[in-house]
Amino acid sequence: MTTNPAFHTLQYNVANGIATITLQTRQEASHTSQEVLCAIATPAFRERLTVLNVPVSPALTPAQFRKVVADDTVAWHHIAETAGVKPE
């Protein structure tokens, strides 16, 4: 059990997303997002996700998902730094 206070107040969300190469334009990311939303809207695809135990949560826009990733990166950096984790 850890005695580090940073871990006692840690709250996190699980976000599933599709990451694409950074050379993708915002228009291309928006198109990809719309295609994924169309797939998720079909009952057959939702059932496949359920069978795989993948939660189907409210869809995020590409901008919202970028913010989730950025915020999580900052939070985990702080946790690793507080715990004394060093890159190898």
PDB file of N, CA and C in Angstrom:
ATOM      1  N   MET A   1       0.848  -1.185   0.000  1.00  0.00           N
ATOM      2  CA  MET A   1       0.000   0.000   0.000  1.00  0.00           C
ATOM      3  C   MET A   1       0.888   1.240   0.000  1.00  0.00           C
ATOM      4  N   THR A   2       0.535   2.181  -0.814  1.00  0.00           N
ATOM      5  CA  THR A   2       1.351   3.388  -0.929  1.00  0.00           C
ATOM      6  C   THR A   2       1.013   4.397   0.160  1.00  0.00           C
ATOM      7  N   THR A   3       2.016   5.141   0.579  1.00  0.00           N
ATOM      8  CA  THR A   3       1.779   6.224   1.531  1.00  0.00           C
ATOM      9  C   THR A   3       1.892   7.572   0.831  1.00  0.00           C
ATOM     10  N   ASN A   4       2.031   7.554  -0.460  1.00  0.00           N
ATOM     11  CA  ASN A   4       2.155   8.782  -1.233  1.00  0.00           C
ATOM     12  C   ASN A   4       0.784   9.444  -1.373  1.00  0.00           C
ATOM     13  N   PRO A   5       0.623  10.682  -0.875  1.00  0.00           N
ATOM     14  CA  PRO A   5      -0.695  11.326  -0.915  1.00  0.00           C
ATOM     15  C   PRO A   5      -1.224  11.558  -2.328  1.00  0.00           C
ATOM     16  N   ALA A   6      -0.360  11.622  -3.321  1.00  0.00           N
ATOM     17  CA  ALA A   6      -0.832  11.839  -4.691  1.00  0.00           C
ATOM     18  C   ALA A   6      -1.719  10.687  -5.159  1.00  0.00           C
ATOM     19  N   PHE A   7      -1.468   9.495  -4.650  1.00  0.00           N
ATOM     20  CA  PHE A   7      -2.240   8.337  -5.083  1.00  0.00           C
ATOM     21  C   PHE A   7      -3.569   8.210  -4.352  1.00  0.00           C
ATOM     22  N   HIS A   8      -3.680   8.802  -3.189  1.00  0.00           N
ATOM     23  CA  HIS A   8      -4.918   8.691  -2.422  1.00  0.00           C
ATOM     24  C   HIS A   8      -6.031   9.553  -2.993  1.00  0.00           C
ATOM     25  N   THR A   9      -5.697  10.591  -3.705  1.00  0.00           N
ATOM     26  CA  THR A   9      -6.713  11.491  -4.249  1.00  0.00           C
ATOM     27  C   THR A   9      -6.873  11.320  -5.757  1.00  0.00           C
ATOM     28  N   LEU A  10      -6.209  10.322  -6.315  1.00  0.00           N
ATOM     29  CA  LEU A  10      -6.243  10.114  -7.759  1.00  0.00           C
ATOM     30  C   LEU A  10      -7.636   9.703  -8.223  1.00  0.00           C
ATOM     31  N   GLN A  11      -8.134  10.417  -9.174  1.00  0.00           N
ATOM     32  CA  GLN A  11      -9.376  10.045  -9.845  1.00  0.00           C
ATOM     33  C   GLN A  11      -9.050   9.938 -11.318  1.00  0.00           C
ATOM     34  N   TYR A  12      -9.621   8.971 -11.970  1.00  0.00           N
ATOM     35  CA  TYR A  12      -9.326   8.834 -13.383  1.00  0.00           C
ATOM     36  C   TYR A  12     -10.552   8.357 -14.136  1.00  0.00           C
ATOM     37  N   ASN A  13     -10.549   8.597 -15.410  1.00  0.00           N
ATOM     38  CA  ASN A  13     -11.595   8.136 -16.300  1.00  0.00           C
ATOM     39  C   ASN A  13     -10.967   7.198 -17.312  1.00  0.00           C
ATOM     40  N   VAL A  14     -11.750   6.269 -17.762  1.00  0.00           N
ATOM     41  CA  VAL A  14     -11.295   5.405 -18.838  1.00  0.00           C
ATOM     42  C   VAL A  14     -11.900   5.956 -20.114  1.00  0.00           C
ATOM     43  N   ALA A  15     -11.057   6.250 -21.060  1.00  0.00           N
ATOM     44  CA  ALA A  15     -11.533   6.764 -22.347  1.00  0.00           C
ATOM     45  C   ALA A  15     -10.996   5.884 -23.454  1.00  0.00           C
ATOM     46  N   ASN A  16     -11.871   5.372 -24.240  1.00  0.00           N
ATOM     47  CA  ASN A  16     -11.464   4.632 -25.418  1.00  0.00           C
ATOM     48  C   ASN A  16     -11.552   5.582 -26.588  1.00  0.00           C
ATOM     49  N   GLY A  17     -10.584   5.536 -27.426  1.00  0.00           N
ATOM     50  CA  GLY A  17     -10.591   6.412 -28.584  1.00  0.00           C
ATOM     51  C   GLY A  17      -9.749   5.838 -29.689  1.00  0.00           C
ATOM     52  N   ILE A  18      -9.832   6.470 -30.799  1.00  0.00           N
ATOM     53  CA  ILE A  18      -9.028   6.082 -31.940  1.00  0.00           C
ATOM     54  C   ILE A  18      -8.026   7.195 -32.162  1.00  0.00           C
ATOM     55  N   ALA A  19      -6.778   6.856 -32.053  1.00  0.00           N
ATOM     56  CA  ALA A  19      -5.725   7.831 -32.294  1.00  0.00           C
ATOM     57  C   ALA A  19      -5.231   7.654 -33.724  1.00  0.00           C
ATOM     58  N   THR A  20      -5.035   8.757 -34.396  1.00  0.00           N
ATOM     59  CA  THR A  20      -4.540   8.699 -35.763  1.00  0.00           C
ATOM     60  C   THR A  20      -3.224   9.447 -35.841  1.00  0.00           C
ATOM     61  N   ILE A  21      -2.591   9.351 -36.957  1.00  0.00           N
ATOM     62  CA  ILE A  21      -1.314  10.038 -37.111  1.00  0.00           C
ATOM     63  C   ILE A  21      -1.528  11.539 -36.998  1.00  0.00           C
ATOM     64  N   THR A  22      -0.535  12.223 -36.523  1.00  0.00           N
ATOM     65  CA  THR A  22      -0.671  13.662 -36.303  1.00  0.00           C
ATOM     66  C   THR A  22      -0.710  14.462 -37.592  1.00  0.00           C
ATOM     67  N   LEU A  23      -0.411  13.837 -38.706  1.00  0.00           N
ATOM     68  CA  LEU A  23      -0.479  14.550 -39.978  1.00  0.00           C
ATOM     69  C   LEU A  23      -1.913  14.658 -40.487  1.00  0.00           C
ATOM     70  N   GLN A  24      -2.837  14.013 -39.813  1.00  0.00           N
ATOM     71  CA  GLN A  24      -4.234  14.082 -40.219  1.00  0.00           C
ATOM     72  C   GLN A  24      -4.755  15.488 -39.940  1.00  0.00           C
ATOM     73  N   THR A  25      -5.437  16.063 -40.907  1.00  0.00           N
ATOM     74  CA  THR A  25      -5.992  17.398 -40.719  1.00  0.00           C
ATOM     75  C   THR A  25      -7.197  17.326 -39.796  1.00  0.00           C
ATOM     76  N   ARG A  26      -7.603  18.468 -39.275  1.00  0.00           N
ATOM     77  CA  ARG A  26      -8.802  18.497 -38.420  1.00  0.00           C
ATOM     78  C   ARG A  26     -10.032  18.058 -39.208  1.00  0.00           C
ATOM     79  N   GLN A  27     -10.075  18.397 -40.494  1.00  0.00           N
ATOM     80  CA  GLN A  27     -11.200  17.975 -41.330  1.00  0.00           C
ATOM     81  C   GLN A  27     -11.210  16.446 -41.468  1.00  0.00           C
ATOM     82  N   GLU A  28     -10.039  15.857 -41.658  1.00  0.00           N
ATOM     83  CA  GLU A  28      -9.961  14.398 -41.751  1.00  0.00           C
ATOM     84  C   GLU A  28     -10.325  13.747 -40.410  1.00  0.00           C
ATOM     85  N   ALA A  29      -9.873  14.345 -39.323  1.00  0.00           N
ATOM     86  CA  ALA A  29     -10.210  13.816 -37.995  1.00  0.00           C
ATOM     87  C   ALA A  29     -11.711  13.889 -37.758  1.00  0.00           C
ATOM     88  N   SER A  30     -12.329  14.975 -38.193  1.00  0.00           N
ATOM     89  CA  SER A  30     -13.777  15.126 -38.048  1.00  0.00           C
ATOM     90  C   SER A  30     -14.507  14.068 -38.863  1.00  0.00           C
ATOM     91  N   HIS A  31     -14.022  13.815 -40.066  1.00  0.00           N
ATOM     92  CA  HIS A  31     -14.640  12.797 -40.919  1.00  0.00           C
ATOM     93  C   HIS A  31     -14.507  11.415 -40.280  1.00  0.00           C
ATOM     94  N   THR A  32     -13.307  11.100 -39.779  1.00  0.00           N
ATOM     95  CA  THR A  32     -13.086   9.821 -39.101  1.00  0.00           C
ATOM     96  C   THR A  32     -14.024   9.692 -37.906  1.00  0.00           C
ATOM     97  N   SER A  33     -14.143  10.772 -37.142  1.00  0.00           N
ATOM     98  CA  SER A  33     -15.024  10.772 -35.982  1.00  0.00           C
ATOM     99  C   SER A  33     -16.471  10.490 -36.376  1.00  0.00           C
ATOM    100  N   GLN A  34     -16.928  11.126 -37.431  1.00  0.00           N
ATOM    101  CA  GLN A  34     -18.308  10.915 -37.895  1.00  0.00           C
ATOM    102  C   GLN A  34     -18.528   9.472 -38.339  1.00  0.00           C
ATOM    103  N   GLU A  35     -17.552   8.885 -39.004  1.00  0.00           N
ATOM    104  CA  GLU A  35     -17.666   7.489 -39.440  1.00  0.00           C
ATOM    105  C   GLU A  35     -17.727   6.548 -38.242  1.00  0.00           C
ATOM    106  N   VAL A  36     -16.911   6.822 -37.235  1.00  0.00           N
ATOM    107  CA  VAL A  36     -16.929   5.992 -36.025  1.00  0.00           C
ATOM    108  C   VAL A  36     -18.276   6.130 -35.315  1.00  0.00           C
ATOM    109  N   LEU A  37     -18.794   7.348 -35.232  1.00  0.00           N
ATOM    110  CA  LEU A  37     -20.099   7.563 -34.593  1.00  0.00           C
ATOM    111  C   LEU A  37     -21.202   6.810 -35.329  1.00  0.00           C
ATOM    112  N   CYS A  38     -21.133   6.788 -36.650  1.00  0.00           N
ATOM    113  CA  CYS A  38     -22.123   6.033 -37.436  1.00  0.00           C
ATOM    114  C   CYS A  38     -22.031   4.542 -37.126  1.00  0.00           C
ATOM    115  N   ALA A  39     -20.809   4.036 -37.013  1.00  0.00           N
ATOM    116  CA  ALA A  39     -20.632   2.617 -36.695  1.00  0.00           C
ATOM    117  C   ALA A  39     -21.165   2.303 -35.299  1.00  0.00           C
ATOM    118  N   ILE A  40     -20.840   3.161 -34.334  1.00  0.00           N
ATOM    119  CA  ILE A  40     -21.286   2.941 -32.955  1.00  0.00           C
ATOM    120  C   ILE A  40     -22.810   2.995 -32.853  1.00  0.00           C
ATOM    121  N   ALA A  41     -23.447   3.732 -33.728  1.00  0.00           N
ATOM    122  CA  ALA A  41     -24.909   3.862 -33.688  1.00  0.00           C
ATOM    123  C   ALA A  41     -25.620   2.594 -34.146  1.00  0.00           C
ATOM    124  N   THR A  42     -24.916   1.698 -34.814  1.00  0.00           N
ATOM    125  CA  THR A  42     -25.574   0.479 -35.292  1.00  0.00           C
ATOM    126  C   THR A  42     -25.645  -0.548 -34.173  1.00  0.00           C
ATOM    127  N   PRO A  43     -26.793  -1.190 -34.007  1.00  0.00           N
ATOM    128  CA  PRO A  43     -26.940  -2.185 -32.936  1.00  0.00           C
ATOM    129  C   PRO A  43     -25.932  -3.335 -33.039  1.00  0.00           C
ATOM    130  N   ALA A  44     -25.618  -3.773 -34.240  1.00  0.00           N
ATOM    131  CA  ALA A  44     -24.682  -4.897 -34.390  1.00  0.00           C
ATOM    132  C   ALA A  44     -23.291  -4.534 -33.861  1.00  0.00           C
ATOM    133  N   PHE A  45     -22.841  -3.332 -34.162  1.00  0.00           N
ATOM    134  CA  PHE A  45     -21.513  -2.910 -33.699  1.00  0.00           C
ATOM    135  C   PHE A  45     -21.512  -2.737 -32.191  1.00  0.00           C
ATOM    136  N   ARG A  46     -22.568  -2.141 -31.651  1.00  0.00           N
ATOM    137  CA  ARG A  46     -22.656  -1.966 -30.190  1.00  0.00           C
ATOM    138  C   ARG A  46     -22.640  -3.325 -29.494  1.00  0.00           C
ATOM    139  N   GLU A  47     -23.310  -4.310 -30.087  1.00  0.00           N
ATOM    140  CA  GLU A  47     -23.327  -5.657 -29.520  1.00  0.00           C
ATOM    141  C   GLU A  47     -21.921  -6.261 -29.540  1.00  0.00           C
ATOM    142  N   ARG A  48     -21.191  -6.053 -30.625  1.00  0.00           N
ATOM    143  CA  ARG A  48     -19.817  -6.564 -30.708  1.00  0.00           C
ATOM    144  C   ARG A  48     -18.948  -5.944 -29.610  1.00  0.00           C
ATOM    145  N   LEU A  49     -19.123  -4.653 -29.376  1.00  0.00           N
ATOM    146  CA  LEU A  49     -18.363  -3.999 -28.307  1.00  0.00           C
ATOM    147  C   LEU A  49     -18.737  -4.575 -26.945  1.00  0.00           C
ATOM    148  N   THR A  50     -20.018  -4.800 -26.738  1.00  0.00           N
ATOM    149  CA  THR A  50     -20.488  -5.363 -25.472  1.00  0.00           C
ATOM    150  C   THR A  50     -19.888  -6.749 -25.242  1.00  0.00           C
ATOM    151  N   VAL A  51     -19.876  -7.575 -26.273  1.00  0.00           N
ATOM    152  CA  VAL A  51     -19.299  -8.920 -26.171  1.00  0.00           C
ATOM    153  C   VAL A  51     -17.824  -8.841 -25.796  1.00  0.00           C
ATOM    154  N   LEU A  52     -17.141  -7.838 -26.307  1.00  0.00           N
ATOM    155  CA  LEU A  52     -15.719  -7.648 -26.006  1.00  0.00           C
ATOM    156  C   LEU A  52     -15.492  -6.919 -24.679  1.00  0.00           C
ATOM    157  N   ASN A  53     -16.580  -6.608 -23.988  1.00  0.00           N
ATOM    158  CA  ASN A  53     -16.531  -5.900 -22.707  1.00  0.00           C
ATOM    159  C   ASN A  53     -15.925  -4.499 -22.853  1.00  0.00           C
ATOM    160  N   VAL A  54     -16.224  -3.852 -23.971  1.00  0.00           N
ATOM    161  CA  VAL A  54     -15.782  -2.488 -24.215  1.00  0.00           C
ATOM    162  C   VAL A  54     -16.966  -1.567 -23.949  1.00  0.00           C
ATOM    163  N   PRO A  55     -16.855  -0.709 -22.949  1.00  0.00           N
ATOM    164  CA  PRO A  55     -17.988   0.170 -22.657  1.00  0.00           C
ATOM    165  C   PRO A  55     -18.208   1.179 -23.785  1.00  0.00           C
ATOM    166  N   VAL A  56     -19.457   1.411 -24.083  1.00  0.00           N
ATOM    167  CA  VAL A  56     -19.804   2.428 -25.072  1.00  0.00           C
ATOM    168  C   VAL A  56     -20.244   3.651 -24.293  1.00  0.00           C
ATOM    169  N   SER A  57     -19.386   4.640 -24.284  1.00  0.00           N
ATOM    170  CA  SER A  57     -19.654   5.853 -23.524  1.00  0.00           C
ATOM    171  C   SER A  57     -20.062   6.963 -24.483  1.00  0.00           C
ATOM    172  N   PRO A  58     -20.535   8.063 -23.946  1.00  0.00           N
ATOM    173  CA  PRO A  58     -20.892   9.182 -24.822  1.00  0.00           C
ATOM    174  C   PRO A  58     -19.701   9.568 -25.697  1.00  0.00           C
ATOM    175  N   ALA A  59     -19.991   9.829 -26.936  1.00  0.00           N
ATOM    176  CA  ALA A  59     -18.935  10.144 -27.896  1.00  0.00           C
ATOM    177  C   ALA A  59     -18.349  11.528 -27.626  1.00  0.00           C
ATOM    178  N   LEU A  60     -17.053  11.609 -27.785  1.00  0.00           N
ATOM    179  CA  LEU A  60     -16.362  12.878 -27.655  1.00  0.00           C
ATOM    180  C   LEU A  60     -16.007  13.391 -29.052  1.00  0.00           C
ATOM    181  N   THR A  61     -15.990  14.680 -29.189  1.00  0.00           N
ATOM    182  CA  THR A  61     -15.509  15.261 -30.434  1.00  0.00           C
ATOM    183  C   THR A  61     -13.988  15.088 -30.464  1.00  0.00           C
ATOM    184  N   PRO A  62     -13.361  15.208 -31.627  1.00  0.00           N
ATOM    185  CA  PRO A  62     -11.902  15.128 -31.657  1.00  0.00           C
ATOM    186  C   PRO A  62     -11.242  16.127 -30.704  1.00  0.00           C
ATOM    187  N   ALA A  63     -11.762  17.334 -30.623  1.00  0.00           N
ATOM    188  CA  ALA A  63     -11.183  18.344 -29.728  1.00  0.00           C
ATOM    189  C   ALA A  63     -11.333  17.921 -28.261  1.00  0.00           C
ATOM    190  N   GLN A  64     -12.489  17.368 -27.894  1.00  0.00           N
ATOM    191  CA  GLN A  64     -12.696  16.918 -26.517  1.00  0.00           C
ATOM    192  C   GLN A  64     -11.744  15.766 -26.179  1.00  0.00           C
ATOM    193  N   PHE A  65     -11.556  14.853 -27.128  1.00  0.00           N
ATOM    194  CA  PHE A  65     -10.668  13.718 -26.883  1.00  0.00           C
ATOM    195  C   PHE A  65      -9.217  14.182 -26.755  1.00  0.00           C
ATOM    196  N   ARG A  66      -8.791  15.155 -27.586  1.00  0.00           N
ATOM    197  CA  ARG A  66      -7.447  15.714 -27.459  1.00  0.00           C
ATOM    198  C   ARG A  66      -7.246  16.295 -26.062  1.00  0.00           C
ATOM    199  N   LYS A  67      -8.273  16.969 -25.530  1.00  0.00           N
ATOM    200  CA  LYS A  67      -8.178  17.561 -24.199  1.00  0.00           C
ATOM    201  C   LYS A  67      -8.059  16.477 -23.126  1.00  0.00           C
ATOM    202  N   VAL A  68      -8.816  15.397 -23.262  1.00  0.00           N
ATOM    203  CA  VAL A  68      -8.730  14.285 -22.301  1.00  0.00           C
ATOM    204  C   VAL A  68      -7.311  13.724 -22.286  1.00  0.00           C
ATOM    205  N   VAL A  69      -6.754  13.498 -23.471  1.00  0.00           N
ATOM    206  CA  VAL A  69      -5.397  12.947 -23.547  1.00  0.00           C
ATOM    207  C   VAL A  69      -4.383  13.929 -22.955  1.00  0.00           C
ATOM    208  N   ALA A  70      -4.510  15.202 -23.292  1.00  0.00           N
ATOM    209  CA  ALA A  70      -3.577  16.208 -22.767  1.00  0.00           C
ATOM    210  C   ALA A  70      -3.675  16.310 -21.246  1.00  0.00           C
ATOM    211  N   ASP A  71      -4.897  16.350 -20.723  1.00  0.00           N
ATOM    212  CA  ASP A  71      -5.084  16.442 -19.268  1.00  0.00           C
ATOM    213  C   ASP A  71      -4.536  15.209 -18.560  1.00  0.00           C
ATOM    214  N   ASP A  72      -4.786  14.022 -19.127  1.00  0.00           N
ATOM    215  CA  ASP A  72      -4.271  12.795 -18.522  1.00  0.00           C
ATOM    216  C   ASP A  72      -2.749  12.760 -18.553  1.00  0.00           C
ATOM    217  N   THR A  73      -2.153  13.264 -19.620  1.00  0.00           N
ATOM    218  CA  THR A  73      -0.693  13.292 -19.725  1.00  0.00           C
ATOM    219  C   THR A  73      -0.103  14.149 -18.609  1.00  0.00           C
ATOM    220  N   VAL A  74      -0.699  15.294 -18.368  1.00  0.00           N
ATOM    221  CA  VAL A  74      -0.227  16.175 -17.289  1.00  0.00           C
ATOM    222  C   VAL A  74      -0.407  15.486 -15.930  1.00  0.00           C
ATOM    223  N   ALA A  75      -1.570  14.891 -15.713  1.00  0.00           N
ATOM    224  CA  ALA A  75      -1.843  14.243 -14.423  1.00  0.00           C
ATOM    225  C   ALA A  75      -0.873  13.086 -14.166  1.00  0.00           C
ATOM    226  N   TRP A  76      -0.669  12.230 -15.166  1.00  0.00           N
ATOM    227  CA  TRP A  76       0.222  11.084 -14.961  1.00  0.00           C
ATOM    228  C   TRP A  76       1.679  11.509 -14.858  1.00  0.00           C
ATOM    229  N   HIS A  77       2.045  12.588 -15.526  1.00  0.00           N
ATOM    230  CA  HIS A  77       3.407  13.118 -15.372  1.00  0.00           C
ATOM    231  C   HIS A  77       3.632  13.523 -13.911  1.00  0.00           C
ATOM    232  N   HIS A  78       2.656  14.212 -13.350  1.00  0.00           N
ATOM    233  CA  HIS A  78       2.759  14.640 -11.953  1.00  0.00           C
ATOM    234  C   HIS A  78       2.858  13.424 -11.023  1.00  0.00           C
ATOM    235  N   ILE A  79       2.047  12.410 -11.278  1.00  0.00           N
ATOM    236  CA  ILE A  79       2.064  11.210 -10.430  1.00  0.00           C
ATOM    237  C   ILE A  79       3.417  10.512 -10.524  1.00  0.00           C
ATOM    238  N   ALA A  80       3.927  10.358 -11.751  1.00  0.00           N
ATOM    239  CA  ALA A  80       5.222   9.695 -11.923  1.00  0.00           C
ATOM    240  C   ALA A  80       6.338  10.496 -11.261  1.00  0.00           C
ATOM    241  N   GLU A  81       6.269  11.817 -11.415  1.00  0.00           N
ATOM    242  CA  GLU A  81       7.287  12.678 -10.802  1.00  0.00           C
ATOM    243  C   GLU A  81       7.229  12.587  -9.281  1.00  0.00           C
ATOM    244  N   THR A  82       6.032  12.618  -8.720  1.00  0.00           N
ATOM    245  CA  THR A  82       5.850  12.525  -7.264  1.00  0.00           C
ATOM    246  C   THR A  82       6.336  11.180  -6.740  1.00  0.00           C
ATOM    247  N   ALA A  83       6.122  10.132  -7.524  1.00  0.00           N
ATOM    248  CA  ALA A  83       6.544   8.787  -7.106  1.00  0.00           C
ATOM    249  C   ALA A  83       8.033   8.546  -7.338  1.00  0.00           C
ATOM    250  N   GLY A  84       8.690   9.495  -7.998  1.00  0.00           N
ATOM    251  CA  GLY A  84      10.117   9.342  -8.239  1.00  0.00           C
ATOM    252  C   GLY A  84      10.451   8.443  -9.419  1.00  0.00           C
ATOM    253  N   VAL A  85       9.497   8.240 -10.304  1.00  0.00           N
ATOM    254  CA  VAL A  85       9.743   7.391 -11.477  1.00  0.00           C
ATOM    255  C   VAL A  85      10.634   8.166 -12.445  1.00  0.00           C
ATOM    256  N   LYS A  86      11.684   7.508 -12.912  1.00  0.00           N
ATOM    257  CA  LYS A  86      12.625   8.125 -13.844  1.00  0.00           C
ATOM    258  C   LYS A  86      12.583   7.358 -15.170  1.00  0.00           C
ATOM    259  N   PRO A  87      12.691   8.065 -16.293  1.00  0.00           N
ATOM    260  CA  PRO A  87      12.747   7.357 -17.572  1.00  0.00           C
ATOM    261  C   PRO A  87      14.026   6.538 -17.679  1.00  0.00           C
ATOM    262  N   GLU A  88      13.934   5.424 -18.337  1.00  0.00           N
ATOM    263  CA  GLU A  88      15.121   4.551 -18.498  1.00  0.00           C
ATOM    264  C   GLU A  88      15.764   4.796 -19.836  1.00  0.00           C
TER     265      GLU A  88
END
